[in-house]
Protein backbone atom coordinates (compact mmCIF):
# COMPACT_ATOMS: atom_id res chain seq x y z
CA MET A 1 131.34 -162.52 8.80
CA GLU A 2 133.58 -165.62 8.49
CA PRO A 3 134.47 -166.38 4.70
CA CYS A 4 133.18 -169.86 5.16
CA SER A 5 129.82 -168.50 6.28
CA SER A 6 129.66 -166.08 3.30
CA ILE A 7 130.23 -168.97 0.93
CA PHE A 8 127.63 -171.09 2.64
CA ILE A 9 125.08 -168.09 2.53
CA CYS A 10 125.89 -167.57 -1.21
CA CYS A 11 125.38 -171.31 -2.07
CA LEU A 12 122.28 -171.46 -0.11
CA THR A 13 120.84 -168.37 -1.88
CA SER A 14 121.86 -169.82 -5.21
CA PHE A 15 120.25 -173.24 -4.46
CA CYS A 16 117.02 -171.55 -3.31
CA GLY A 17 116.76 -169.40 -6.44
CA SER A 18 117.33 -172.54 -8.55
CA PHE A 19 114.75 -174.60 -6.70
CA SER A 20 112.15 -171.65 -7.17
CA GLY A 21 112.81 -171.74 -10.80
CA TYR A 22 112.46 -175.51 -10.98
CA ALA A 23 109.10 -175.07 -8.90
CA GLY A 24 107.89 -172.53 -11.48
CA LEU A 25 108.75 -174.88 -14.24
CA PHE A 26 107.01 -177.89 -12.51
CA GLY A 27 103.99 -175.71 -12.06
CA ARG A 28 103.65 -174.86 -15.70
CA ILE A 29 104.30 -178.50 -16.66
CA GLY A 30 101.50 -179.43 -14.31
CA GLU A 31 99.07 -176.80 -15.75
CA ALA A 32 99.97 -178.16 -19.41
CA TRP A 33 99.34 -181.79 -18.05
CA GLN A 34 95.80 -181.07 -16.98
CA PRO A 35 94.12 -181.13 -20.43
CA ILE A 36 96.12 -184.00 -21.37
CA GLN A 37 94.86 -185.90 -18.32
CA SER A 38 91.33 -184.92 -19.23
CA PHE A 39 91.93 -186.21 -22.89
CA LEU A 40 93.16 -189.57 -21.67
CA LYS A 41 90.23 -189.87 -19.28
CA ILE A 42 87.87 -189.27 -22.23
CA SER A 43 89.66 -191.93 -24.34
CA SER A 44 89.63 -194.50 -21.69
CA ALA A 45 85.94 -193.86 -21.06
CA THR A 46 84.90 -194.32 -24.51
CA SER A 47 87.13 -197.38 -25.17
CA ALA A 48 85.27 -199.38 -22.75
CA LEU A 49 82.41 -199.48 -25.36
CA ALA A 50 84.73 -200.56 -28.06
CA VAL A 51 86.26 -203.56 -26.23
CA LYS A 52 83.06 -205.50 -26.50
CA GLY A 53 83.87 -206.20 -30.12
CA GLU A 54 84.61 -203.69 -32.98
CA SER A 55 82.33 -204.23 -36.02
CA PRO A 56 83.78 -204.08 -39.45
CA VAL A 57 83.81 -200.80 -41.17
CA ALA A 58 80.30 -200.10 -42.62
CA GLN A 59 79.06 -198.44 -45.81
CA VAL A 60 77.59 -195.08 -45.09
CA PRO A 61 74.46 -194.01 -46.89
CA ALA A 62 74.35 -190.69 -48.75
CA CYS A 63 71.72 -189.39 -46.20
CA VAL A 64 71.86 -190.73 -42.74
CA SER A 65 68.68 -191.09 -40.64
CA VAL A 66 68.51 -191.14 -36.84
CA GLU A 67 65.89 -193.17 -35.13
CA PHE A 68 65.10 -193.70 -31.38
CA ARG A 69 63.02 -196.90 -30.84
CA ASP A 70 61.47 -197.60 -27.48
CA VAL A 71 64.41 -196.10 -25.70
CA GLU A 72 64.76 -196.13 -21.91
CA PHE A 73 67.57 -194.52 -20.07
CA GLY A 74 68.34 -193.05 -16.71
CA TYR A 75 71.46 -191.75 -14.93
CA ARG A 76 70.14 -193.24 -11.73
CA PRO A 77 68.03 -196.52 -11.60
CA VAL A 78 64.93 -194.61 -9.71
CA GLU A 79 65.05 -191.46 -12.06
CA PRO A 80 64.21 -192.37 -15.76
CA VAL A 81 65.05 -189.62 -18.07
CA LEU A 82 63.77 -191.38 -21.06
CA ASP A 83 61.01 -194.01 -21.01
CA ARG A 84 60.14 -195.98 -24.14
CA LEU A 85 60.69 -192.92 -26.34
CA SER A 86 60.38 -193.52 -30.17
CA LEU A 87 61.16 -190.92 -32.75
CA PHE A 88 62.42 -190.94 -36.38
CA VAL A 89 64.54 -188.17 -38.02
CA GLU A 90 64.66 -188.51 -41.69
CA GLY A 91 68.14 -188.44 -43.43
CA ALA A 92 69.24 -184.78 -44.49
CA ARG A 93 66.30 -183.26 -42.34
CA LYS A 94 66.67 -180.43 -39.98
CA VAL A 95 64.89 -180.99 -36.64
CA GLY A 96 64.69 -178.85 -33.63
CA PHE A 97 64.12 -180.58 -30.22
CA VAL A 98 62.31 -178.51 -27.58
CA GLY A 99 61.17 -179.27 -24.09
CA ARG A 100 61.59 -178.37 -20.42
CA THR A 101 64.87 -178.53 -18.55
CA ASP A 102 65.83 -182.23 -17.77
CA CYS A 103 63.24 -183.78 -20.27
CA GLY A 104 66.06 -185.67 -21.95
CA LYS A 105 66.83 -183.53 -25.11
CA SER A 106 70.57 -183.57 -24.52
CA THR A 107 70.50 -187.20 -23.40
CA LEU A 108 69.08 -188.16 -26.71
CA LEU A 109 72.27 -186.67 -28.54
CA LYS A 110 74.56 -188.44 -26.18
CA LEU A 111 72.90 -191.82 -27.02
CA VAL A 112 73.35 -191.08 -30.69
CA GLU A 113 77.25 -190.43 -30.14
CA ARG A 114 77.30 -193.51 -27.91
CA LEU A 115 78.66 -191.42 -24.85
CA TYR A 116 76.17 -193.65 -23.14
CA ASP A 117 74.19 -196.71 -24.42
CA ALA A 118 70.31 -197.05 -24.11
CA GLN A 119 69.45 -199.45 -21.23
CA SER A 120 66.53 -200.71 -23.26
CA GLY A 121 65.46 -200.12 -26.75
CA SER A 122 67.67 -199.17 -29.59
CA VAL A 123 69.17 -196.17 -31.38
CA PHE A 124 69.82 -196.36 -35.12
CA VAL A 125 72.02 -194.26 -37.35
CA GLY A 126 71.78 -194.88 -41.00
CA GLY A 127 69.37 -197.62 -40.28
CA LYS A 128 72.08 -199.44 -38.29
CA ASP A 129 72.17 -199.90 -34.58
CA VAL A 130 74.66 -197.51 -32.98
CA ARG A 131 76.12 -200.58 -31.27
CA GLN A 132 76.80 -202.40 -34.49
CA TRP A 133 78.78 -199.37 -35.88
CA PRO A 134 82.66 -199.29 -35.29
CA LEU A 135 82.88 -196.68 -32.54
CA ARG A 136 85.48 -194.65 -34.37
CA GLN A 137 83.49 -194.71 -37.63
CA LEU A 138 80.43 -193.49 -35.80
CA GLN A 139 82.30 -190.61 -34.16
CA ARG A 140 83.51 -189.66 -37.60
CA ILE A 141 79.90 -189.65 -39.14
CA CYS A 142 78.51 -187.55 -36.18
CA THR A 143 79.71 -184.23 -34.72
CA CYS A 144 78.26 -182.60 -31.70
CA LEU A 145 78.61 -179.09 -30.48
CA SER A 146 77.51 -178.57 -26.98
CA GLN A 147 77.20 -175.42 -24.88
CA ASN A 148 80.31 -176.32 -23.12
CA GLY A 149 81.82 -177.74 -26.23
CA GLY A 150 85.28 -176.94 -27.80
CA VAL A 151 88.79 -178.02 -26.87
CA PHE A 152 91.02 -175.59 -25.19
CA PHE A 153 94.71 -176.08 -24.11
CA SER A 154 96.35 -173.60 -21.69
CA GLU A 155 99.30 -172.73 -23.96
CA ALA A 156 97.51 -172.88 -27.45
CA THR A 157 97.05 -169.82 -29.43
CA LEU A 158 93.58 -168.99 -30.80
CA LEU A 159 94.86 -169.97 -34.45
CA ASP A 160 95.82 -173.44 -33.07
CA THR A 161 92.73 -173.82 -30.80
CA ILE A 162 90.40 -173.40 -33.93
CA ARG A 163 92.58 -175.65 -36.03
CA PHE A 164 92.15 -178.42 -33.51
CA ALA A 165 89.69 -180.25 -35.56
CA LYS A 166 91.65 -179.75 -38.73
CA PRO A 167 95.40 -179.39 -37.94
CA ALA A 168 96.36 -178.93 -41.58
CA ALA A 169 93.77 -176.08 -42.09
CA SER A 170 95.36 -172.92 -43.66
CA PHE A 171 95.14 -169.46 -42.03
CA LEU A 172 92.49 -168.40 -44.49
CA GLU A 173 90.29 -171.44 -43.63
CA VAL A 174 90.56 -170.46 -39.84
CA VAL A 175 89.75 -166.89 -40.61
CA GLN A 176 86.66 -167.90 -42.72
CA ALA A 177 85.51 -170.22 -39.88
CA ALA A 178 85.87 -167.58 -37.35
CA THR A 179 84.07 -165.07 -39.59
CA LEU A 180 81.20 -167.39 -39.81
CA ALA A 181 81.14 -167.89 -36.17
CA CYS A 182 81.18 -164.09 -35.67
CA ILE A 183 84.52 -163.99 -33.65
CA HIS A 184 86.91 -162.90 -36.16
CA ASP A 185 86.53 -159.09 -35.37
CA GLU A 186 86.98 -159.60 -31.58
CA ILE A 187 90.15 -161.96 -32.14
CA MET A 188 91.59 -159.15 -34.27
CA ALA A 189 90.95 -156.50 -31.64
CA LEU A 190 93.17 -158.46 -29.12
CA GLN A 191 96.76 -157.35 -28.97
CA ASP A 192 98.12 -160.49 -30.38
CA GLY A 193 95.14 -161.39 -32.53
CA TYR A 194 95.26 -165.11 -33.55
CA GLN A 195 98.35 -165.60 -31.48
CA SER A 196 96.51 -164.70 -28.28
CA ARG A 197 96.32 -167.57 -25.73
CA ALA A 198 92.83 -168.99 -24.93
CA GLY A 199 93.94 -170.30 -21.57
CA GLU A 200 93.04 -173.49 -20.10
CA HIS A 201 89.32 -174.25 -20.68
CA GLY A 202 89.19 -170.82 -22.43
CA LYS A 203 89.72 -169.08 -19.24
CA ASN A 204 91.03 -165.91 -21.15
CA LEU A 205 87.58 -165.62 -23.11
CA SER A 206 84.17 -164.75 -22.09
CA GLY A 207 81.43 -167.41 -22.17
CA GLY A 208 80.24 -165.98 -25.48
CA GLN A 209 83.74 -165.96 -26.93
CA ARG A 210 84.33 -169.50 -25.84
CA GLN A 211 81.16 -170.74 -27.47
CA ARG A 212 81.96 -168.96 -30.71
CA VAL A 213 85.66 -170.24 -31.05
CA ALA A 214 84.16 -173.69 -30.28
CA ILE A 215 81.72 -173.25 -33.12
CA ALA A 216 84.68 -172.07 -35.50
CA GLN A 217 86.39 -175.05 -34.40
CA ALA A 218 83.41 -177.28 -35.30
CA LEU A 219 82.99 -175.51 -38.67
CA LEU A 220 86.33 -176.82 -39.83
CA SER A 221 85.30 -180.41 -38.97
CA LEU A 222 82.25 -180.08 -41.03
CA GLN A 223 84.50 -179.89 -44.25
CA ASP A 224 85.05 -183.64 -43.64
CA PRO A 225 82.65 -185.36 -46.23
CA GLU A 226 82.19 -188.19 -43.77
CA LYS A 227 80.30 -185.83 -41.41
CA LYS A 228 76.65 -186.74 -42.04
CA VAL A 229 75.02 -185.94 -38.71
CA VAL A 230 75.32 -182.65 -36.98
CA LEU A 231 74.10 -182.41 -33.24
CA LEU A 232 73.73 -178.78 -31.94
CA ASP A 233 73.16 -178.89 -28.19
CA GLU A 234 72.40 -175.45 -27.00
CA CYS A 235 75.66 -174.51 -28.59
CA THR A 236 74.60 -170.74 -28.74
CA SER A 237 73.18 -170.45 -25.19
CA ASN A 238 75.63 -167.86 -24.09
CA LEU A 239 74.92 -165.43 -27.06
CA ASP A 240 72.45 -162.60 -27.40
CA PRO A 241 69.52 -163.39 -29.89
CA GLU A 242 71.02 -161.15 -32.64
CA THR A 243 74.40 -162.75 -32.69
CA GLU A 244 72.78 -166.31 -32.31
CA ALA A 245 70.58 -165.47 -35.34
CA SER A 246 73.61 -164.36 -37.39
CA ILE A 247 75.72 -167.40 -36.69
CA LEU A 248 73.01 -169.86 -37.34
CA ARG A 249 72.20 -168.14 -40.83
CA ASN A 250 75.89 -168.10 -41.54
CA ILE A 251 76.44 -171.96 -40.82
CA TRP A 252 73.13 -173.24 -42.12
CA PRO A 253 74.21 -173.53 -45.80
CA LEU A 254 77.16 -175.69 -44.72
CA LEU A 255 74.59 -178.18 -43.39
CA ASP A 256 72.93 -178.69 -46.67
CA GLY A 257 72.53 -182.56 -47.22
CA LYS A 258 73.38 -183.40 -43.63
CA THR A 259 71.11 -184.55 -40.86
CA VAL A 260 70.78 -181.84 -38.25
CA ILE A 261 69.36 -182.00 -34.72
CA VAL A 262 68.98 -178.85 -32.79
CA VAL A 263 68.44 -178.77 -28.90
CA THR A 264 67.30 -175.22 -27.91
CA HIS A 265 65.15 -173.54 -25.29
CA ARG A 266 64.71 -170.70 -27.78
CA PHE A 267 62.16 -171.70 -30.49
CA GLU A 268 62.52 -168.43 -32.34
CA ALA A 269 66.31 -169.14 -33.15
CA VAL A 270 65.38 -172.15 -35.29
CA GLU A 271 61.78 -171.68 -36.34
CA ASP A 272 62.84 -170.25 -39.89
CA LEU A 273 65.60 -172.93 -40.25
CA VAL A 274 64.41 -176.30 -39.42
CA ASP A 275 62.00 -178.52 -41.25
CA GLU A 276 60.33 -179.66 -37.98
CA VAL A 277 60.15 -179.14 -34.29
CA VAL A 278 59.52 -181.83 -31.88
CA ALA A 279 58.49 -181.54 -28.36
CA ILE A 280 60.17 -183.98 -25.67
CA GLN A 281 57.65 -184.24 -23.00
CA GLU A 282 57.33 -186.46 -19.78
CA CYS A 283 60.29 -188.51 -20.62
CA ARG A 284 58.55 -190.34 -23.52
CA ALA A 285 56.22 -188.29 -25.70
CA ALA A 286 57.94 -186.99 -28.80
CA ARG A 287 55.40 -185.16 -30.97
CA PRO A 288 55.70 -182.61 -33.65
CA ILE A 289 54.60 -179.20 -32.97
CA PRO A 290 53.52 -176.54 -35.49
CA LEU A 291 56.07 -174.14 -36.98
CA ASP A 292 53.64 -171.25 -37.21
CA ARG A 293 53.43 -168.82 -34.24
CA THR A 294 49.67 -168.92 -34.12
CA ALA A 295 49.34 -172.66 -33.82
CA LEU A 296 52.40 -172.72 -31.48
CA ALA A 297 50.80 -170.31 -28.84
CA ALA A 298 47.92 -172.76 -28.57
CA SER A 299 50.28 -175.86 -28.18
CA ALA A 300 51.42 -177.41 -24.79
CA PHE A 301 55.01 -176.08 -25.39
CA PRO A 302 55.00 -172.39 -26.05
CA ALA A 303 58.04 -170.67 -27.30
CA GLY A 304 60.97 -170.35 -24.80
CA CYS A 305 60.07 -173.60 -23.07
């Protein structure tokens, strides 16, 4: 082989190797950029509500009530999800929402957070129309944990993932939150413990582990005294009944003095914890149902609806 040819082949090989390395680097950058894009989309989506005019910061009452007054809402014009629904949740009360799939339970919570606005009627938080609250202040007052909740970044450790709601949290605080969420022992069983990577969208975790890490994340946010309203939307749906019951018993003392709305299909999970259970029915009827099992069995909404 000619010397010039050998030199050319060596240069070409070196170039291809370098290009391959850069391609891998670009791939990792692209993977890391995805959650940032998601965050920016969420931020831009919520800011559309704020540009209509931010209200001045409002005084927050000690106990914050939640009220739905003649609320109408639908994701599609011909399919109403809520039809003139009215319901009042007294401040510092714990209320469970039950009802069949697609009856509007989760939609009610989204209206409280102003992820959507009611198309007719009004939603009140602390006696004030949610549209009159400064959006950022409303989001500080209310915290919601859904069945697909939690924030996960591909390169973040479990320690930093749980810290997301409170970046300054100590390691001890993180461990305490994870213990209450019944995930600490499983984290410690991993080879790298709290330094393990959750993966993008928590892909390195099972569904139940993801939910418990998200609960631990939310528990750190509850230490903020401004958190007055807690919305739990099927946040333990991937857990077995025993683990679900343990977590709810662990976190319930932290909710003392807060207004709590729990959306669930499993009445048994909350019957001993809430002050009242309300059935959401036919897009509009919201009526209390009995907490004792004998009366519940005779009601239109049996346990597990």
